[in-house]
């Protein structure tokens, strides 16, 4: 099996080092770029299993970078995780509204990550739950399977929050015992988010 490689795109060296330390410890090879131009150069030279992209880069925002990644490597674009210490809500949420997909599409993508077959809308209604939010509610998926890449038992808890025509996605995935232990804090975090 070839070594799995993740691209980190962030202009803050401390964040890059923190992520590198953690992901290297999990068995990944890490490449890093401090800006979008450097990231695009690396993508032209290397196939990545996933990317972690900061929304706020010095030469373009993460949404613009993701649009270019989608053109260059659609598979990598589907495996891109965004992070930021500051969320540019209007731009980023509109982008996710367009490319986030519906609840069923996301649940089936997540099921695929856990080696499970797609579900149907009818089965999804029985298999999913709701999370109360201030003045509204979110949909919750709780899925257990085997990580498609590692073959290890894994669990995923995902929350999809609709807000004023936009959609927020939160996902906790990993070792089943760790997810069980962290689930309550994760759901409280989702409930505490301000939009």
Protein backbone atom coordinates (compact mmCIF):
# COMPACT_ATOMS: atom_id res chain seq x y z
CA UNK A 1 0.00 0.00 0.00
CA UNK A 2 1.42 3.41 -0.95
CA UNK A 3 1.82 6.11 1.66
CA UNK A 4 -1.21 8.36 2.05
CA UNK A 5 -0.45 12.04 1.52
CA UNK A 6 -2.30 15.15 2.70
CA UNK A 7 -1.79 18.70 1.50
CA UNK A 8 -2.04 21.44 4.15
CA UNK A 9 -2.56 24.99 2.88
CA UNK A 10 -2.16 27.64 5.58
CA UNK A 11 0.02 30.72 5.96
CA UNK A 12 0.37 30.28 9.73
CA UNK A 13 3.47 28.15 10.38
CA UNK A 14 2.31 27.16 13.88
CA UNK A 15 -0.95 25.71 12.53
CA UNK A 16 0.91 23.85 9.79
CA UNK A 17 3.35 22.36 12.31
CA UNK A 18 0.53 21.33 14.66
CA UNK A 19 -1.35 19.58 11.87
CA UNK A 20 1.85 18.02 10.51
CA UNK A 21 2.75 16.59 13.91
CA UNK A 22 -0.69 15.11 14.41
CA UNK A 23 -1.20 13.74 10.89
CA UNK A 24 2.33 12.36 10.62
CA UNK A 25 1.66 10.50 13.86
CA UNK A 26 -1.43 9.03 12.20
CA UNK A 27 0.70 7.66 9.35
CA UNK A 28 0.25 10.34 6.69
CA UNK A 29 2.92 12.04 4.63
CA UNK A 30 2.37 15.79 4.67
CA UNK A 31 3.12 18.48 2.10
CA UNK A 32 2.43 22.10 2.99
CA UNK A 33 1.98 25.38 1.14
CA UNK A 34 1.73 28.83 2.67
CA UNK A 35 -0.48 30.20 -0.10
CA UNK A 36 -2.80 29.16 -2.90
CA UNK A 37 -0.20 29.50 -5.65
CA UNK A 38 2.14 27.12 -3.85
CA UNK A 39 -0.72 24.69 -3.27
CA UNK A 40 -1.67 24.67 -6.94
CA UNK A 41 1.97 24.02 -7.90
CA UNK A 42 2.07 21.03 -5.53
CA UNK A 43 -1.24 19.66 -6.87
CA UNK A 44 0.17 19.75 -10.39
CA UNK A 45 3.09 17.58 -9.24
CA UNK A 46 1.50 15.19 -6.72
CA UNK A 47 -1.72 13.23 -6.20
CA UNK A 48 -3.12 13.89 -2.73
CA UNK A 49 -5.51 11.78 -0.68
CA UNK A 50 -6.96 14.88 1.02
CA UNK A 51 -6.37 18.58 1.55
CA UNK A 52 -6.78 20.84 4.57
CA UNK A 53 -7.28 24.42 3.39
CA UNK A 54 -7.45 27.66 5.36
CA UNK A 55 -10.24 29.96 4.24
CA UNK A 56 -8.00 33.01 4.60
CA UNK A 57 -4.87 32.78 2.46
CA UNK A 58 -2.63 35.71 1.49
CA UNK A 59 -3.15 35.43 -2.27
CA UNK A 60 -6.78 34.21 -2.53
CA UNK A 61 -9.45 32.85 -0.22
CA UNK A 62 -10.06 29.14 0.31
CA UNK A 63 -13.25 29.17 -1.76
CA UNK A 64 -11.39 30.47 -4.83
CA UNK A 65 -8.65 27.91 -4.26
CA UNK A 66 -11.22 25.12 -3.96
CA UNK A 67 -12.81 26.18 -7.25
CA UNK A 68 -9.41 25.80 -8.94
CA UNK A 69 -8.82 22.45 -7.24
CA UNK A 70 -12.22 21.27 -8.55
CA UNK A 71 -11.06 22.03 -12.09
CA UNK A 72 -7.66 20.35 -11.64
CA UNK A 73 -8.54 17.37 -9.45
CA UNK A 74 -12.27 16.79 -8.78
CA UNK A 75 -11.53 13.82 -6.51
CA UNK A 76 -9.27 15.92 -4.27
CA UNK A 77 -11.90 18.67 -4.23
CA UNK A 78 -14.35 16.20 -2.67
CA UNK A 79 -11.78 15.38 0.02
CA UNK A 80 -10.99 18.95 1.05
CA UNK A 81 -11.52 20.11 4.61
CA UNK A 82 -11.72 23.83 5.33
CA UNK A 83 -10.52 25.53 8.50
CA UNK A 84 -10.28 29.07 9.68
CA UNK A 85 -9.91 31.22 12.74
CA UNK A 86 -12.20 33.71 11.00
CA UNK A 87 -15.16 32.71 8.84
CA UNK A 88 -16.17 34.94 5.96
CA UNK A 89 -19.79 33.88 6.27
CA UNK A 90 -21.35 35.40 3.17
CA UNK A 91 -18.80 34.01 0.74
CA UNK A 92 -18.12 30.66 2.34
CA UNK A 93 -21.68 29.71 3.24
CA UNK A 94 -23.02 30.60 -0.17
CA UNK A 95 -20.32 28.39 -1.62
CA UNK A 96 -21.31 25.48 0.59
CA UNK A 97 -24.97 25.99 -0.28
CA UNK A 98 -24.05 25.42 -3.90
CA UNK A 99 -21.63 22.52 -3.41
CA UNK A 100 -22.66 20.88 -0.14
CA UNK A 101 -25.42 18.70 -1.59
CA UNK A 102 -28.55 17.62 0.27
CA UNK A 103 -28.78 15.55 3.42
CA UNK A 104 -29.22 12.22 1.61
CA UNK A 105 -26.30 12.89 -0.75
CA UNK A 106 -24.03 13.77 2.16
CA UNK A 107 -25.12 10.79 4.25
CA UNK A 108 -24.42 8.49 1.32
CA UNK A 109 -20.99 10.08 0.80
CA UNK A 110 -20.26 9.57 4.52
CA UNK A 111 -21.55 5.97 4.33
CA UNK A 112 -19.11 5.39 1.47
CA UNK A 113 -16.28 6.64 3.69
CA UNK A 114 -17.30 3.91 6.14
CA UNK A 115 -17.54 1.16 3.52
CA UNK A 116 -21.35 1.09 3.56
CA UNK A 117 -23.80 1.00 0.67
CA UNK A 118 -25.98 4.04 0.00
CA UNK A 119 -29.26 4.36 1.84
CA UNK A 120 -32.63 5.56 0.53
CA UNK A 121 -34.69 8.57 1.58
CA UNK A 122 -37.20 6.21 3.25
CA UNK A 123 -34.51 4.39 5.26
CA UNK A 124 -32.76 7.68 6.04
CA UNK A 125 -35.89 9.00 7.77
CA UNK A 126 -35.74 6.01 10.15
CA UNK A 127 -31.94 6.10 10.59
CA UNK A 128 -31.38 9.80 11.27
CA UNK A 129 -32.36 12.07 14.13
CA UNK A 130 -32.74 15.71 15.01
CA UNK A 131 -30.78 18.07 17.21
CA UNK A 132 -32.71 20.97 18.79
CA UNK A 133 -31.23 24.39 18.12
CA UNK A 134 -32.31 27.83 19.22
CA UNK A 135 -35.45 28.45 17.16
CA UNK A 136 -34.87 25.52 14.83
CA UNK A 137 -33.51 21.98 14.54
CA UNK A 138 -30.72 20.23 12.68
CA UNK A 139 -30.53 16.76 11.16
CA UNK A 140 -28.11 14.25 12.65
CA UNK A 141 -26.59 11.14 11.08
CA UNK A 142 -24.86 8.57 13.29
CA UNK A 143 -23.11 5.92 11.19
CA UNK A 144 -20.84 3.06 12.16
CA UNK A 145 -18.76 1.04 9.72
CA UNK A 146 -15.16 0.50 8.68
CA UNK A 147 -12.97 3.34 7.49
CA UNK A 148 -12.72 2.76 3.74
CA UNK A 149 -9.01 3.66 3.74
CA UNK A 150 -7.76 1.91 6.87
CA UNK A 151 -10.25 -0.94 7.26
CA UNK A 152 -10.51 -0.08 10.97
CA UNK A 153 -13.84 0.14 12.79
CA UNK A 154 -15.01 3.76 12.75
CA UNK A 155 -17.98 5.90 13.66
CA UNK A 156 -19.21 9.16 12.18
CA UNK A 157 -21.61 11.65 13.74
CA UNK A 158 -22.62 14.45 11.37
CA UNK A 159 -24.94 17.39 11.86
CA UNK A 160 -26.46 19.41 9.02
CA UNK A 161 -27.75 22.83 10.07
CA UNK A 162 -29.93 24.83 7.65
CA UNK A 163 -29.83 28.59 8.23
CA UNK A 164 -31.51 31.19 6.01
CA UNK A 165 -31.04 29.28 2.77
CA UNK A 166 -27.50 28.25 3.70
CA UNK A 167 -26.23 24.98 5.13
CA UNK A 168 -23.58 24.29 7.76
CA UNK A 169 -22.01 20.82 7.98
CA UNK A 170 -20.31 19.48 11.12
CA UNK A 171 -18.68 16.06 11.20
CA UNK A 172 -16.97 14.03 13.91
CA UNK A 173 -15.34 10.84 12.61
CA UNK A 174 -12.82 8.41 14.00
CA UNK A 175 -12.34 5.48 16.32
CA UNK A 176 -15.77 4.40 17.64
CA UNK A 177 -14.78 4.73 21.29
CA UNK A 178 -13.30 8.20 20.78
CA UNK A 179 -16.39 9.40 18.89
CA UNK A 180 -18.62 8.00 21.65
CA UNK A 181 -16.59 9.81 24.29
CA UNK A 182 -16.57 13.14 22.39
CA UNK A 183 -20.11 13.06 20.95
CA UNK A 184 -21.80 15.04 23.73
CA UNK A 185 -19.20 17.84 23.58
CA UNK A 186 -19.41 17.86 19.77
CA UNK A 187 -23.21 18.23 19.79
CA UNK A 188 -23.01 20.98 22.42
CA UNK A 189 -20.49 22.79 20.23
CA UNK A 190 -22.88 22.61 17.26
CA UNK A 191 -25.73 23.92 19.43
CA UNK A 192 -23.56 26.81 20.65
CA UNK A 193 -22.63 28.07 17.17
CA UNK A 194 -23.85 31.55 16.28
CA UNK A 195 -24.86 32.23 12.70
